[in-house]
Amino acid sequence: MRTADTRERILTAACEAIAEIGFEKIRMRMVAEKAGVSTALLHYHFDTREKLFTEAMTHSFANTANDVERDAETAPAAVILARIVRSLLPTDPELHQDWRLWQELWVRALRDEATRTYAVDLYAQLHTWVADVVRRGIASGEFTPTDVDDLCTLVLSLSDGYGIRLMLRDPTVSLDSALASIWRQVSAALSLPEGMPVE
């Protein structure tokens, strides 16, 4: 088995296990069993639970970004931005799992300085991800110029707020209403149609 394939299997298993039972309860043996590898092989790739957790978060984020940007060279910036907004909410089972990982990250970051630093860095990556698409749209003339940093902060903040309520199954918030509310702010800032682009 190739090293890259092994790491992929371990990280996928770690994401699933952490989302299912939480980081504090997770044991390396559980992840090894779920990935179908020996505990020794797991420890060869990830010597601590903390390293496994941060690598799993990075893996999850990278997979989402790859899916969203699959045709970023040819798709309109508004389409890519709409995909990003959808990916920032628990819109499907995979993203629901991602949200459970983020919730674990937030809780752990409150108690552990290294995790807090990692979480801040991950948010910076999210901010850059959104900002790059907005800047591309502005440069191409597709978007009206705006304060990119302010807009990105607003999008991430709204996504977190609505995402938490959706994860709690708050009956006053639906996925459609959350997406519409976030996109309303995006479209107003960038002079886009109010309805999200449909692929």
Protein backbone atom coordinates (compact mmCIF):
# COMPACT_ATOMS: atom_id res chain seq x y z
CA MET A 1 0.00 0.00 0.00
CA ARG A 2 1.41 3.37 -0.99
CA THR A 3 2.20 5.83 1.80
CA ALA A 4 -0.12 8.48 0.36
CA ASP A 5 -3.01 6.00 0.19
CA THR A 6 -2.38 4.91 3.77
CA ARG A 7 -2.38 8.50 5.03
CA GLU A 8 -5.58 9.19 3.10
CA ARG A 9 -7.32 6.19 4.67
CA ILE A 10 -6.13 7.12 8.15
CA LEU A 11 -7.18 10.77 7.82
CA THR A 12 -10.58 9.84 6.41
CA ALA A 13 -11.08 7.38 9.28
CA ALA A 14 -9.95 10.00 11.80
CA CYS A 15 -12.45 12.55 10.46
CA GLU A 16 -15.26 10.02 10.75
CA ALA A 17 -14.28 8.86 14.23
CA ILE A 18 -13.79 12.35 15.67
CA ALA A 19 -17.11 13.48 14.21
CA GLU A 20 -18.88 10.42 15.63
CA ILE A 21 -17.60 10.38 19.20
CA GLY A 22 -15.55 13.55 19.74
CA PHE A 23 -11.83 14.17 20.06
CA GLU A 24 -11.64 13.69 23.83
CA LYS A 25 -12.97 10.12 23.57
CA ILE A 26 -11.00 9.11 20.51
CA ARG A 27 -8.19 6.60 20.82
CA MET A 28 -5.54 5.88 18.22
CA ARG A 29 -6.55 2.20 18.24
CA MET A 30 -10.11 3.15 17.18
CA VAL A 31 -8.83 5.12 14.20
CA ALA A 32 -6.45 2.32 13.21
CA GLU A 33 -9.30 -0.21 13.25
CA LYS A 34 -11.55 2.08 11.22
CA ALA A 35 -8.78 2.67 8.68
CA GLY A 36 -7.89 -1.03 8.50
CA VAL A 37 -4.26 -0.49 9.52
CA SER A 38 -2.17 -1.53 12.50
CA THR A 39 -1.75 0.78 15.45
CA ALA A 40 2.00 0.72 14.79
CA LEU A 41 1.46 1.97 11.24
CA LEU A 42 -0.87 4.69 12.48
CA HIS A 43 1.77 5.85 14.98
CA TYR A 44 4.38 5.81 12.21
CA HIS A 45 2.36 8.46 10.34
CA PHE A 46 0.95 10.35 13.35
CA ASP A 47 2.83 10.09 16.60
CA THR A 48 0.24 11.91 18.73
CA ARG A 49 -3.53 12.32 18.84
CA GLU A 50 -3.08 16.08 18.56
CA LYS A 51 -1.10 15.77 15.33
CA LEU A 52 -3.72 13.37 13.95
CA PHE A 53 -6.49 15.83 14.84
CA THR A 54 -4.89 18.85 13.17
CA GLU A 55 -3.95 16.81 10.08
CA ALA A 56 -7.53 15.50 9.89
CA MET A 57 -8.89 19.07 10.00
CA THR A 58 -6.48 20.17 7.27
CA HIS A 59 -7.41 17.11 5.20
CA SER A 60 -11.11 17.86 5.53
CA PHE A 61 -10.67 21.50 4.53
CA ALA A 62 -8.47 20.59 1.55
CA ASN A 63 -10.99 18.05 0.24
CA THR A 64 -13.80 20.62 0.39
CA ALA A 65 -11.66 23.24 -1.35
CA ASN A 66 -10.68 20.80 -4.12
CA ASP A 67 -14.32 19.97 -4.81
CA VAL A 68 -15.42 23.62 -4.83
CA GLU A 69 -12.59 24.71 -7.15
CA ARG A 70 -12.75 21.78 -9.57
CA ASP A 71 -13.24 24.14 -12.55
CA ALA A 72 -12.11 27.44 -11.03
CA GLU A 73 -10.13 28.36 -14.15
CA THR A 74 -13.25 28.47 -16.34
CA ALA A 75 -16.26 28.95 -14.04
CA PRO A 76 -17.52 32.47 -13.26
CA ALA A 77 -16.26 33.86 -9.94
CA ALA A 78 -19.88 34.16 -8.75
CA VAL A 79 -20.38 30.40 -9.21
CA ILE A 80 -17.22 29.60 -7.24
CA LEU A 81 -18.18 32.08 -4.52
CA ALA A 82 -21.66 30.55 -4.27
CA ARG A 83 -20.08 27.09 -3.94
CA ILE A 84 -17.86 28.37 -1.15
CA VAL A 85 -20.84 29.84 0.70
CA ARG A 86 -22.68 26.52 0.40
CA SER A 87 -19.59 24.65 1.60
CA LEU A 88 -19.40 26.84 4.71
CA LEU A 89 -22.73 25.44 5.95
CA PRO A 90 -23.74 21.83 6.74
CA THR A 91 -25.47 21.40 3.37
CA ASP A 92 -24.81 17.66 2.90
CA PRO A 93 -23.65 14.67 5.01
CA GLU A 94 -19.95 15.30 4.31
CA LEU A 95 -20.19 18.96 5.29
CA HIS A 96 -22.25 18.00 8.34
CA GLN A 97 -19.31 15.83 9.37
CA ASP A 98 -16.93 18.74 8.69
CA TRP A 99 -19.05 20.92 10.96
CA ARG A 100 -18.76 18.38 13.76
CA LEU A 101 -14.99 18.56 13.34
CA TRP A 102 -15.08 22.36 13.52
CA GLN A 103 -17.14 22.19 16.70
CA GLU A 104 -14.52 19.87 18.21
CA LEU A 105 -11.83 22.33 17.13
CA TRP A 106 -13.57 25.28 18.79
CA VAL A 107 -14.00 23.45 22.09
CA ARG A 108 -10.43 22.20 22.11
CA ALA A 109 -9.06 25.63 21.14
CA LEU A 110 -10.61 27.13 24.28
CA ARG A 111 -8.48 24.81 26.44
CA ASP A 112 -5.30 24.29 24.45
CA GLU A 113 -3.01 27.06 23.21
CA ALA A 114 -1.52 25.06 20.32
CA THR A 115 -5.01 24.21 19.06
CA ARG A 116 -6.09 27.85 19.43
CA THR A 117 -3.16 28.94 17.28
CA TYR A 118 -4.00 26.28 14.72
CA ALA A 119 -7.68 27.33 14.66
CA VAL A 120 -6.76 30.98 14.07
CA ASP A 121 -4.51 29.92 11.20
CA LEU A 122 -7.26 27.77 9.70
CA TYR A 123 -9.63 30.74 9.82
CA ALA A 124 -6.99 32.81 8.05
CA GLN A 125 -6.90 30.17 5.31
CA LEU A 126 -10.69 30.31 5.00
CA HIS A 127 -10.55 34.10 4.81
CA THR A 128 -7.93 33.93 2.05
CA TRP A 129 -9.98 31.31 0.18
CA VAL A 130 -13.01 33.61 0.04
CA ALA A 131 -10.92 36.74 -0.58
CA ASP A 132 -9.07 35.25 -3.55
CA VAL A 133 -12.33 34.52 -5.37
CA VAL A 134 -13.76 37.95 -4.58
CA ARG A 135 -10.59 39.65 -5.82
CA ARG A 136 -10.64 37.55 -8.99
CA GLY A 137 -14.22 38.62 -9.65
CA ILE A 138 -13.37 42.27 -9.05
CA ALA A 139 -10.32 42.08 -11.33
CA SER A 140 -12.38 40.53 -14.14
CA GLY A 141 -15.15 43.14 -13.79
CA GLU A 142 -17.68 40.51 -12.71
CA PHE A 143 -17.95 42.06 -9.21
CA THR A 144 -18.23 45.68 -8.13
CA PRO A 145 -15.20 46.71 -6.04
CA THR A 146 -15.76 46.45 -2.29
CA ASP A 147 -13.81 46.14 0.96
CA VAL A 148 -12.76 42.53 0.44
CA ASP A 149 -11.58 41.87 3.99
CA ASP A 150 -14.80 43.21 5.51
CA LEU A 151 -16.93 41.13 3.17
CA CYS A 152 -14.93 37.96 3.89
CA THR A 153 -15.19 38.48 7.64
CA LEU A 154 -18.94 39.02 7.29
CA VAL A 155 -19.41 35.87 5.19
CA LEU A 156 -17.44 33.71 7.63
CA SER A 157 -19.23 35.20 10.64
CA LEU A 158 -22.68 34.68 9.15
CA SER A 159 -21.75 31.15 8.09
CA ASP A 160 -20.61 30.28 11.60
CA GLY A 161 -23.72 31.77 13.17
CA TYR A 162 -26.17 30.09 10.84
CA GLY A 163 -24.14 26.88 10.80
CA ILE A 164 -24.35 26.51 14.57
CA ARG A 165 -28.11 26.99 14.52
CA LEU A 166 -28.50 24.48 11.69
CA MET A 167 -26.37 21.95 13.59
CA LEU A 168 -28.63 22.50 16.62
CA ARG A 169 -31.64 21.90 14.35
CA ASP A 170 -33.09 25.25 15.40
CA PRO A 171 -36.64 25.18 13.96
CA THR A 172 -36.52 28.90 13.18
CA VAL A 173 -33.61 28.55 10.74
CA SER A 174 -33.63 26.55 7.51
CA LEU A 175 -30.75 25.87 5.17
CA ASP A 176 -32.50 27.80 2.38
CA SER A 177 -33.10 30.84 4.57
CA ALA A 178 -29.50 30.79 5.82
CA LEU A 179 -28.09 30.62 2.30
CA ALA A 180 -30.45 33.37 1.11
CA SER A 181 -29.48 35.63 4.00
CA ILE A 182 -25.74 35.21 3.44
CA TRP A 183 -26.02 35.62 -0.31
CA ARG A 184 -28.12 38.76 0.12
CA GLN A 185 -25.14 40.40 1.84
CA VAL A 186 -22.73 39.09 -0.81
CA SER A 187 -24.89 40.20 -3.72
CA ALA A 188 -25.44 43.68 -2.23
CA ALA A 189 -21.70 44.19 -1.72
CA LEU A 190 -20.73 42.94 -5.18
CA SER A 191 -23.74 44.17 -7.22
CA LEU A 192 -24.86 40.63 -8.13
CA PRO A 193 -28.35 39.23 -8.64
CA GLU A 194 -29.93 38.38 -5.28
CA GLY A 195 -30.50 34.73 -6.15
CA MET A 196 -27.50 32.39 -5.77
CA PRO A 197 -26.14 31.05 -9.06
CA VAL A 198 -27.48 27.61 -9.93
CA GLU A 199 -25.13 25.16 -11.61
